């Protein structure tokens, strides 16, 4: 009986969603929100200046609850009060895993990356700042 329970446990753990974010890659940017964690990796790394790049985005929830969809990504310069000259596109790759493509930081300085989610009860926004050199 114990073997059967252990085997059933292995089957359940093997079928966990791919979006589980542990361990987090060392090069990733991690943003803690009130309901979930956001893990972001750029392609290429590090984020370049005056060259196109993409962001791989994972949503992680320790409760394994339903995750809100990523509906908008953007970057802007708070000190200059303007954004990019491009509008990134979002593609859902897997449950909780997205790729945002079409970023280009056209000038050096502090940029803020913004991620908007359509929540089940309410919308949510997570962001982080990056100094482009």
Protein backbone atom coordinates (compact mmCIF):
# COMPACT_ATOMS: atom_id res chain seq x y z
CA UNK A 1 0.00 0.00 0.00
CA UNK A 2 2.83 2.40 0.86
CA UNK A 3 4.42 1.76 -2.56
CA UNK A 4 1.12 2.56 -4.25
CA UNK A 5 0.85 5.87 -2.35
CA UNK A 6 4.44 6.79 -3.20
CA UNK A 7 3.85 5.97 -6.89
CA UNK A 8 0.65 8.08 -6.90
CA UNK A 9 2.61 10.95 -5.32
CA UNK A 10 5.25 10.70 -8.04
CA UNK A 11 2.59 10.82 -10.75
CA UNK A 12 1.03 13.95 -9.21
CA UNK A 13 4.38 15.73 -8.78
CA UNK A 14 5.43 14.81 -12.35
CA UNK A 15 2.29 16.48 -13.71
CA UNK A 16 2.79 19.83 -11.99
CA UNK A 17 2.64 22.81 -14.36
CA UNK A 18 5.82 23.91 -16.14
CA UNK A 19 5.52 27.44 -14.76
CA UNK A 20 6.80 26.49 -11.29
CA UNK A 21 9.60 28.99 -10.76
CA UNK A 22 11.93 27.19 -8.39
CA UNK A 23 14.83 27.44 -8.70
CA UNK A 24 14.94 30.94 -10.17
CA UNK A 25 17.83 31.51 -12.63
CA UNK A 26 20.52 33.81 -11.23
CA UNK A 27 20.17 36.26 -14.15
CA UNK A 28 16.40 36.64 -13.67
CA UNK A 29 14.63 39.70 -12.32
CA UNK A 30 12.12 38.72 -9.61
CA UNK A 31 9.16 40.94 -8.70
CA UNK A 32 7.08 39.99 -5.66
CA UNK A 33 3.41 40.94 -5.91
CA UNK A 34 0.68 40.59 -3.31
CA UNK A 35 -0.71 37.40 -4.91
CA UNK A 36 2.08 35.96 -7.06
CA UNK A 37 5.72 36.28 -8.06
CA UNK A 38 6.90 37.43 -11.48
CA UNK A 39 10.19 36.07 -12.91
CA UNK A 40 11.61 37.89 -15.97
CA UNK A 41 14.55 36.97 -18.23
CA UNK A 42 15.66 39.04 -21.23
CA UNK A 43 16.75 37.65 -24.58
CA UNK A 44 19.51 38.56 -25.21
CA UNK A 45 21.02 39.10 -21.77
CA UNK A 46 21.74 41.63 -20.46
CA UNK A 47 19.06 44.02 -21.71
CA UNK A 48 20.72 45.96 -24.55
CA UNK A 49 20.52 49.67 -25.36
CA UNK A 50 19.38 50.63 -28.89
CA UNK A 51 18.80 47.02 -29.93
CA UNK A 52 15.62 44.92 -29.98
CA UNK A 53 15.05 42.35 -27.24
CA UNK A 54 12.35 40.15 -25.76
CA UNK A 55 11.32 39.23 -22.23
CA UNK A 56 10.37 35.76 -21.06
CA UNK A 57 7.89 36.15 -18.21
CA UNK A 58 6.76 33.50 -15.71
CA UNK A 59 4.03 33.92 -13.09
CA UNK A 60 4.44 31.83 -9.95
CA UNK A 61 1.91 31.21 -7.21
CA UNK A 62 2.83 29.05 -4.23
CA UNK A 63 -0.83 28.06 -3.83
CA UNK A 64 -0.93 26.79 -7.44
CA UNK A 65 -4.06 28.86 -7.92
CA UNK A 66 -5.38 30.09 -11.25
CA UNK A 67 -3.12 32.81 -12.61
CA UNK A 68 -4.39 36.02 -14.20
CA UNK A 69 -3.51 36.52 -17.87
CA UNK A 70 -0.76 38.97 -18.84
CA UNK A 71 -2.60 41.52 -20.99
CA UNK A 72 -0.09 44.36 -21.43
CA UNK A 73 3.65 45.01 -21.14
CA UNK A 74 5.46 48.28 -21.61
CA UNK A 75 8.54 50.26 -20.63
CA UNK A 76 8.82 53.97 -19.97
CA UNK A 77 11.23 56.52 -18.51
CA UNK A 78 9.67 58.09 -15.41
CA UNK A 79 12.17 60.99 -15.31
CA UNK A 80 11.45 61.92 -18.94
CA UNK A 81 7.75 61.01 -18.82
CA UNK A 82 7.82 59.08 -22.10
CA UNK A 83 7.87 55.48 -23.21
CA UNK A 84 9.35 53.45 -26.02
CA UNK A 85 8.77 54.08 -29.70
CA UNK A 86 7.55 50.48 -30.06
CA UNK A 87 4.58 48.50 -28.75
CA UNK A 88 5.63 45.03 -27.54
CA UNK A 89 3.51 41.99 -28.38
CA UNK A 90 2.65 39.19 -25.96
CA UNK A 91 2.49 35.49 -26.75
CA UNK A 92 1.34 32.91 -24.23
CA UNK A 93 3.77 29.96 -24.39
CA UNK A 94 2.45 27.83 -21.56
CA UNK A 95 0.38 28.13 -18.41
CA UNK A 96 1.89 31.13 -16.61
CA UNK A 97 4.69 31.56 -19.21
CA UNK A 98 4.67 34.43 -21.70
CA UNK A 99 7.07 35.98 -24.18
CA UNK A 100 6.90 39.73 -24.72
CA UNK A 101 8.68 40.72 -27.93
CA UNK A 102 9.44 44.05 -29.56
CA UNK A 103 11.22 46.02 -26.84
CA UNK A 104 13.83 48.64 -27.71
CA UNK A 105 15.25 51.09 -25.17
CA UNK A 106 16.29 53.99 -27.38
CA UNK A 107 18.16 56.09 -24.79
CA UNK A 108 20.23 55.55 -21.63
CA UNK A 109 18.75 56.16 -18.19
CA UNK A 110 16.26 54.63 -15.81
CA UNK A 111 13.42 52.66 -17.41
CA UNK A 112 10.44 51.11 -15.69
CA UNK A 113 9.04 47.84 -17.05
CA UNK A 114 5.30 47.47 -16.45
CA UNK A 115 3.28 44.22 -16.50
CA UNK A 116 -0.53 44.42 -16.39
CA UNK A 117 -2.67 41.39 -15.50
CA UNK A 118 -6.42 40.95 -15.88
CA UNK A 119 -7.36 39.58 -12.48
CA UNK A 120 -10.29 37.43 -11.58
CA UNK A 121 -11.45 39.89 -8.90
CA UNK A 122 -9.31 42.89 -9.82
CA UNK A 123 -6.57 43.91 -12.25
CA UNK A 124 -3.01 43.89 -11.00
CA UNK A 125 0.17 45.70 -12.06
CA UNK A 126 3.75 44.70 -11.28
CA UNK A 127 6.84 46.62 -12.32
CA UNK A 128 10.58 46.91 -11.89
CA UNK A 129 13.16 49.56 -12.78
CA UNK A 130 16.25 49.09 -14.90
CA UNK A 131 19.17 51.46 -15.57
CA UNK A 132 20.04 51.26 -19.28
CA UNK A 133 23.61 52.22 -20.08
